[in-house]
Protein backbone atom coordinates (compact mmCIF):
# COMPACT_ATOMS: atom_id res chain seq x y z
CA MET A 1 -99.12 -134.72 -39.22
CA SER A 2 -96.22 -137.01 -38.73
CA ALA A 3 -93.38 -136.46 -36.36
CA TYR A 4 -91.13 -135.77 -39.28
CA GLY A 5 -93.46 -133.07 -40.52
CA HIS A 6 -93.49 -131.37 -37.15
CA GLN A 7 -89.74 -131.50 -37.02
CA MET A 8 -89.43 -129.95 -40.46
CA GLU A 9 -91.88 -127.19 -39.58
CA HIS A 10 -90.05 -126.42 -36.33
CA SER A 11 -86.74 -126.35 -38.17
CA TYR A 12 -88.15 -123.97 -40.82
CA SER A 13 -89.53 -121.65 -38.17
CA THR A 14 -86.23 -121.59 -36.37
CA ARG A 15 -84.40 -120.70 -39.57
CA SER A 16 -86.92 -117.97 -40.32
CA LEU A 17 -86.53 -116.38 -36.89
CA SER A 18 -82.77 -116.60 -37.16
CA ALA A 19 -82.82 -114.93 -40.58
CA ALA A 20 -85.15 -112.19 -39.35
CA SER A 21 -82.88 -111.64 -36.36
CA GLU A 22 -79.85 -111.34 -38.63
CA MET A 23 -81.66 -108.87 -40.86
CA ARG A 24 -82.61 -106.74 -37.82
CA SER A 25 -79.02 -106.74 -36.60
CA SER A 26 -77.79 -105.69 -40.00
CA PHE A 27 -80.34 -102.91 -40.14
CA VAL A 28 -79.29 -101.50 -36.74
CA LEU A 29 -75.61 -101.64 -37.64
CA GLU A 30 -76.14 -99.93 -40.99
CA SER A 31 -78.34 -97.11 -39.64
CA GLY A 32 -75.37 -95.10 -38.13
CA PHE A 33 -74.64 -93.62 -34.70
CA TYR A 34 -77.71 -93.29 -32.58
CA ILE A 35 -78.04 -90.65 -29.77
CA THR A 36 -80.92 -89.55 -27.69
CA SER A 37 -82.56 -86.12 -28.02
CA PHE A 38 -81.11 -85.06 -24.64
CA SER A 39 -77.61 -85.89 -25.78
CA ALA A 40 -78.17 -84.02 -29.05
CA THR A 41 -79.31 -80.93 -27.12
CA ILE A 42 -76.17 -80.99 -24.98
CA PHE A 43 -74.01 -81.46 -28.08
CA ILE A 44 -75.59 -78.50 -29.92
CA ALA A 45 -75.39 -76.30 -26.81
CA GLY A 46 -71.69 -77.14 -26.52
CA PHE A 47 -71.09 -76.08 -30.11
CA ALA A 48 -73.01 -72.84 -29.53
CA THR A 49 -70.99 -72.08 -26.39
CA LEU A 50 -67.73 -72.75 -28.21
CA GLY A 51 -68.80 -70.40 -31.02
CA LEU A 52 -69.70 -67.69 -28.52
CA LEU A 53 -66.33 -68.04 -26.82
CA LEU A 54 -64.53 -67.74 -30.16
CA ILE A 55 -66.48 -64.61 -31.03
CA THR A 56 -65.72 -63.11 -27.59
CA LEU A 57 -62.04 -63.93 -28.06
CA LEU A 58 -61.95 -62.26 -31.46
CA VAL A 59 -63.67 -59.13 -30.11
CA SER A 60 -61.26 -58.98 -27.16
CA MET A 61 -58.24 -59.31 -29.43
CA ALA A 62 -59.58 -56.57 -31.70
CA MET A 63 -60.08 -54.24 -28.72
CA MET A 64 -56.59 -55.01 -27.37
CA LEU A 65 -55.09 -54.30 -30.79
CA GLN A 66 -56.95 -50.98 -30.99
CA SER A 67 -55.81 -50.07 -27.48
CA CYS A 68 -52.19 -50.86 -28.35
CA GLN A 69 -52.46 -48.70 -31.45
CA ASN A 70 -53.92 -45.81 -29.44
CA ASN A 71 -51.23 -46.13 -26.76
CA SER A 72 -48.51 -46.22 -29.39
CA ALA A 73 -49.95 -43.13 -31.02
CA GLY A 74 -50.17 -41.39 -27.63
CA ILE A 75 -46.56 -42.23 -26.78
CA LEU A 76 -45.41 -41.02 -30.18
CA GLU A 77 -47.40 -37.80 -29.81
CA LEU A 78 -46.01 -37.22 -26.29
CA ARG A 79 -42.50 -37.86 -27.55
CA ASN A 80 -42.98 -35.30 -30.33
CA ILE A 81 -44.33 -32.74 -27.84
CA ASN A 82 -41.38 -33.31 -25.51
CA ASP A 83 -38.92 -32.98 -28.39
CA ASP A 84 -40.54 -29.75 -29.58
CA TYR A 85 -40.64 -28.32 -26.08
CA SER A 86 -36.97 -29.20 -25.50
CA TYR A 87 -36.14 -27.40 -28.74
CA CYS A 88 -38.12 -24.31 -27.68
CA LYS A 89 -36.58 -24.32 -24.20
CA ILE A 90 -33.06 -24.48 -25.63
CA HIS A 91 -33.98 -21.69 -28.03
CA SER A 92 -35.21 -19.59 -25.09
CA LEU A 93 -32.07 -20.20 -23.04
CA HIS A 94 -29.85 -19.38 -26.01
CA ALA A 95 -31.78 -16.15 -26.53
CA GLN A 96 -31.30 -15.15 -22.88
CA LEU A 97 -27.59 -15.92 -22.86
CA ASN A 98 -27.01 -13.85 -26.00
CA HIS A 99 -29.59 -11.13 -25.23
CA LEU A 100 -31.63 -12.05 -28.29
CA GLU A 101 -35.05 -11.76 -26.65
CA GLU A 102 -36.43 -9.64 -29.49
CA GLN A 103 -35.62 -12.06 -32.28
CA ASN A 104 -38.37 -14.08 -33.92
CA VAL A 105 -39.53 -17.12 -32.00
CA PRO A 106 -40.33 -20.37 -33.92
CA ASN A 107 -44.05 -20.78 -34.53
CA VAL A 108 -44.04 -24.30 -33.07
CA CYS A 109 -43.26 -22.75 -29.69
CA LYS A 110 -46.48 -20.74 -29.50
CA ASP A 111 -48.89 -23.65 -29.00
CA LEU A 112 -46.43 -25.43 -26.73
CA ALA A 113 -46.05 -22.31 -24.60
CA VAL A 114 -49.79 -22.22 -23.94
CA GLN A 115 -49.98 -25.98 -23.36
CA TYR A 116 -47.09 -25.81 -20.87
CA ILE A 117 -49.05 -23.35 -18.72
CA LYS A 118 -52.60 -24.62 -19.22
CA GLY A 119 -51.59 -28.26 -18.82
CA GLY A 120 -50.18 -27.58 -15.36
CA GLN A 121 -46.58 -28.58 -16.09
CA TYR A 122 -45.22 -25.12 -15.31
CA ALA A 123 -46.87 -25.13 -11.87
CA ARG A 124 -45.37 -28.56 -11.18
CA ASP A 125 -41.90 -27.37 -12.24
CA LEU A 126 -42.21 -24.37 -9.93
CA ASP A 127 -43.20 -26.59 -7.00
CA LEU A 128 -40.25 -28.92 -7.62
CA THR A 129 -37.80 -26.01 -7.79
CA LYS A 130 -39.31 -24.52 -4.63
CA SER A 131 -38.76 -27.85 -2.86
CA VAL A 132 -35.09 -27.90 -3.93
CA ILE A 133 -34.58 -24.36 -2.60
CA GLU A 134 -36.31 -25.11 0.70
CA ASP A 135 -34.26 -28.31 1.14
CA TYR A 136 -31.10 -26.22 0.89
CA PHE A 137 -32.23 -23.58 3.38
CA ASN A 138 -33.34 -26.27 5.82
CA GLY A 139 -29.65 -27.08 6.22
CA VAL A 140 -28.28 -23.54 6.69
CA LYS A 141 -28.98 -20.81 9.21
CA PRO A 142 -28.57 -17.02 8.96
CA SER A 143 -25.76 -15.39 10.94
CA GLU A 144 -26.65 -13.78 14.24
CA ASP A 145 -25.28 -10.40 13.14
CA GLY A 146 -27.84 -10.19 10.33
CA PHE A 147 -25.27 -9.70 7.55
CA ASP A 148 -26.18 -12.88 5.65
CA VAL A 149 -28.82 -11.94 3.07
CA VAL A 150 -30.85 -13.58 0.32
CA LEU A 151 -31.28 -11.74 -2.99
CA ILE A 152 -34.59 -12.35 -4.78
CA ASP A 153 -35.21 -11.18 -8.35
CA ILE A 154 -38.77 -9.87 -8.63
CA ASP A 155 -38.78 -9.08 -12.35
CA GLY A 156 -41.30 -11.05 -14.34
CA ILE A 157 -43.76 -11.69 -11.51
CA PHE A 158 -45.97 -8.64 -12.13
CA PRO A 159 -47.75 -7.62 -15.36
CA LEU A 160 -46.00 -4.26 -15.58
CA SER A 161 -46.95 -3.57 -19.16
CA PRO A 162 -50.37 -3.56 -20.89
CA HIS A 163 -49.03 -4.35 -24.36
CA SER A 164 -49.73 -8.05 -24.23
CA SER A 165 -53.49 -7.57 -24.58
CA ASN A 166 -53.09 -6.22 -28.12
CA LEU A 167 -52.00 -9.48 -29.73
CA PHE A 168 -53.01 -13.13 -29.62
CA GLN A 169 -55.30 -13.62 -26.65
CA SER A 170 -54.01 -17.13 -25.93
CA ILE A 171 -50.41 -15.90 -25.62
CA SER A 172 -51.57 -12.91 -23.56
CA ASN A 173 -53.40 -15.19 -21.13
CA CYS A 174 -50.39 -17.51 -21.08
CA ILE A 175 -48.09 -14.68 -20.01
CA LEU A 176 -50.49 -13.41 -17.35
CA GLU A 177 -51.03 -16.91 -15.94
CA ALA A 178 -47.28 -17.59 -15.90
CA LYS A 179 -46.60 -14.38 -13.99
CA LYS A 180 -49.30 -15.24 -11.48
CA LEU A 181 -47.90 -18.73 -10.88
CA LYS A 182 -44.36 -17.40 -10.55
CA ARG A 183 -45.48 -14.64 -8.17
CA MET A 184 -47.22 -17.17 -5.91
CA ALA A 185 -44.15 -19.43 -5.84
CA VAL A 186 -41.79 -16.54 -5.06
CA LEU A 187 -44.16 -15.27 -2.36
CA ARG A 188 -44.22 -18.67 -0.63
CA LEU A 189 -40.41 -18.79 -0.70
CA TYR A 190 -40.26 -15.20 0.56
CA ILE A 191 -42.57 -15.90 3.52
CA ASN A 192 -40.73 -19.11 4.47
CA LEU A 193 -37.33 -17.42 4.33
CA GLN A 194 -38.55 -14.53 6.43
CA ALA A 195 -39.99 -16.93 9.00
CA SER A 196 -36.54 -18.57 9.23
CA GLY A 197 -34.91 -15.20 10.01
CA TRP A 198 -33.28 -14.47 6.65
CA PRO A 199 -32.94 -10.77 5.66
CA ILE A 200 -34.16 -10.38 2.08
CA ILE A 201 -33.11 -7.87 -0.57
CA LEU A 202 -35.47 -7.52 -3.54
CA PHE A 203 -33.86 -6.83 -6.91
CA SER A 204 -35.33 -5.32 -10.07
CA ARG A 205 -34.00 -4.09 -13.40
CA GLU A 206 -36.84 -1.58 -13.68
CA PRO A 207 -36.00 2.14 -13.33
CA VAL A 208 -36.26 3.74 -9.91
CA LYS A 209 -38.95 6.11 -11.22
CA ASP A 210 -41.33 3.11 -11.09
CA GLN A 211 -40.47 2.40 -7.47
CA ASN A 212 -43.84 3.48 -6.05
CA VAL A 213 -45.73 1.33 -8.55
CA THR A 214 -43.47 -1.62 -7.78
CA ILE A 215 -43.95 -1.20 -4.03
CA ASP A 216 -47.72 -1.05 -4.48
CA HIS A 217 -47.62 -4.30 -6.45
CA LEU A 218 -45.42 -5.96 -3.85
CA VAL A 219 -47.59 -4.96 -0.91
CA SER A 220 -50.80 -5.91 -2.71
CA ALA A 221 -49.34 -9.33 -3.50
CA GLY A 222 -48.33 -9.95 0.13
CA PHE A 223 -44.65 -9.01 0.13
CA ARG A 224 -43.81 -7.07 3.28
CA GLY A 225 -40.84 -6.40 5.51
CA TRP A 226 -38.00 -6.68 2.97
CA SER A 227 -34.61 -5.28 3.95
CA SER A 228 -34.03 -3.35 0.74
CA LEU A 229 -35.48 -2.81 -2.74
CA MET A 230 -32.83 -2.24 -5.41
CA MET A 231 -33.87 -0.63 -8.71
CA ARG A 232 -32.01 0.85 -11.64
CA GLU A 233 -30.99 4.50 -11.53
CA GLY A 234 -32.14 6.01 -14.81
CA GLU A 235 -33.53 4.32 -17.90
CA ASN A 236 -30.42 2.91 -19.59
CA SER A 237 -27.50 4.14 -17.54
CA THR A 238 -25.59 0.83 -17.77
CA LYS A 239 -25.91 -2.55 -19.40
CA THR A 240 -27.81 -5.20 -17.50
CA ASN A 241 -24.75 -7.27 -16.54
CA GLU A 242 -22.85 -4.16 -15.43
CA TYR A 243 -25.85 -2.99 -13.42
CA ILE A 244 -26.17 -6.35 -11.69
CA SER A 245 -22.47 -6.48 -10.87
CA THR A 246 -22.58 -2.90 -9.54
CA GLN A 247 -25.54 -3.68 -7.27
CA ARG A 248 -23.93 -6.88 -6.01
CA ASN A 249 -20.71 -5.02 -5.22
CA ALA A 250 -22.67 -2.31 -3.41
CA ILE A 251 -24.30 -4.93 -1.19
CA GLN A 252 -20.97 -6.52 -0.34
CA THR A 253 -19.27 -3.17 0.25
CA LYS A 254 -21.76 -2.50 3.04
CA GLY A 255 -20.58 -5.66 4.76
CA PHE A 256 -23.40 -7.96 3.69
CA GLN A 257 -22.79 -11.44 2.35
CA ILE A 258 -25.14 -12.74 -0.31
CA ILE A 259 -25.81 -16.34 0.64
CA SER A 260 -28.14 -17.06 -2.25
CA ILE A 261 -29.70 -15.53 -5.35
CA ILE A 262 -33.13 -16.66 -6.50
CA SER A 263 -34.16 -15.64 -10.01
CA SER A 264 -35.84 -16.83 -13.18
CA HIS A 265 -33.31 -14.92 -15.32
CA VAL A 266 -29.91 -16.20 -16.36
CA ASP A 267 -28.20 -12.79 -16.41
CA ILE A 268 -28.18 -12.20 -12.65
CA LEU A 269 -26.90 -15.71 -12.01
CA SER A 270 -24.14 -15.52 -14.62
CA ALA A 271 -23.04 -12.11 -13.30
CA ALA A 272 -22.37 -13.71 -9.91
CA TYR A 273 -20.36 -16.61 -11.30
CA GLU A 274 -17.18 -15.69 -9.41
CA ASP A 275 -18.86 -15.98 -6.00
CA ALA A 276 -18.13 -19.65 -5.36
CA GLY A 277 -19.77 -19.70 -1.93
CA MET A 278 -23.04 -18.27 -3.20
CA ARG A 279 -25.88 -20.68 -3.92
CA LYS A 280 -27.80 -19.71 -7.07
CA PHE A 281 -31.26 -20.99 -7.91
CA LEU A 282 -32.93 -20.63 -11.31
CA LEU A 283 -36.72 -20.66 -11.25
CA PRO A 284 -38.30 -22.25 -14.33
CA ASP A 285 -39.23 -19.63 -16.88
CA PRO A 286 -42.10 -20.44 -19.27
CA ILE A 287 -41.22 -20.17 -22.93
CA CYS A 288 -44.25 -17.94 -23.50
CA ASP A 289 -42.18 -15.13 -21.91
CA MET A 290 -40.18 -15.10 -25.15
CA PHE A 291 -43.19 -13.60 -26.91
CA GLU A 292 -43.55 -10.66 -24.53
CA HIS A 293 -40.78 -8.67 -26.20
CA GLN A 294 -42.37 -9.20 -29.62
CA MET A 295 -45.75 -8.15 -28.27
CA LYS A 296 -44.30 -4.95 -26.85
CA ALA A 297 -42.71 -4.23 -30.21
């Protein structure tokens, strides 16, 4: 073969290789984005993790929304309970001030009366009131002559009548539990005042014919060493306010000075309104006591 032939063959081969190379390059460019299997695994795992995070976020948001709804419902329910209880408490106070204890009590107050006792709020209110009373007596001292006295109202701390067991058991238990809690609070105050040297006069609106029963209850409950026990002469000799005023005047006529009155009833405190130097303390009275008069009837 001539030199020209060899040159032509070499030139043809070179063009063929160049064309094949261009075709290969075109094929690689047109085939798309190429990744390895390891990179694909990481990519898929990333998408799966992102999906899991989104699902977790959605679940968390749903739970938070449910919690907010429950809290809102709880706050609304608590607000309604507080409003109803405030209404019943005002109704009770109005009844005491106007001596309307025997009138009908709103039905909404019955469940609240039980809840107030069973839920422990009444015990907490008693403890707070006891703390206020003790804070006051921590700052005053009895006179050395023994003529400064403390008057404690003991009505409503003993279950003196069996009538309550004949009606709704829940209200009956409510009344008995309330009397027990009040009796314990009054007893703690009584013991602390005695330990501080205060002479104590116990006051009751019950007739004097029940004096022995009352004394038995007092002693059994832990009350001992009182200076005097004042009870009503006769069944209905005078109205309650007149009786209270008469007893207070009798104490003062004997030279004693009433430093403080402790009671869960408004009448004895209102009857002593003119004694500006006297400190009066009102123990919380559970609204279930409003039902006791109806149960007796």
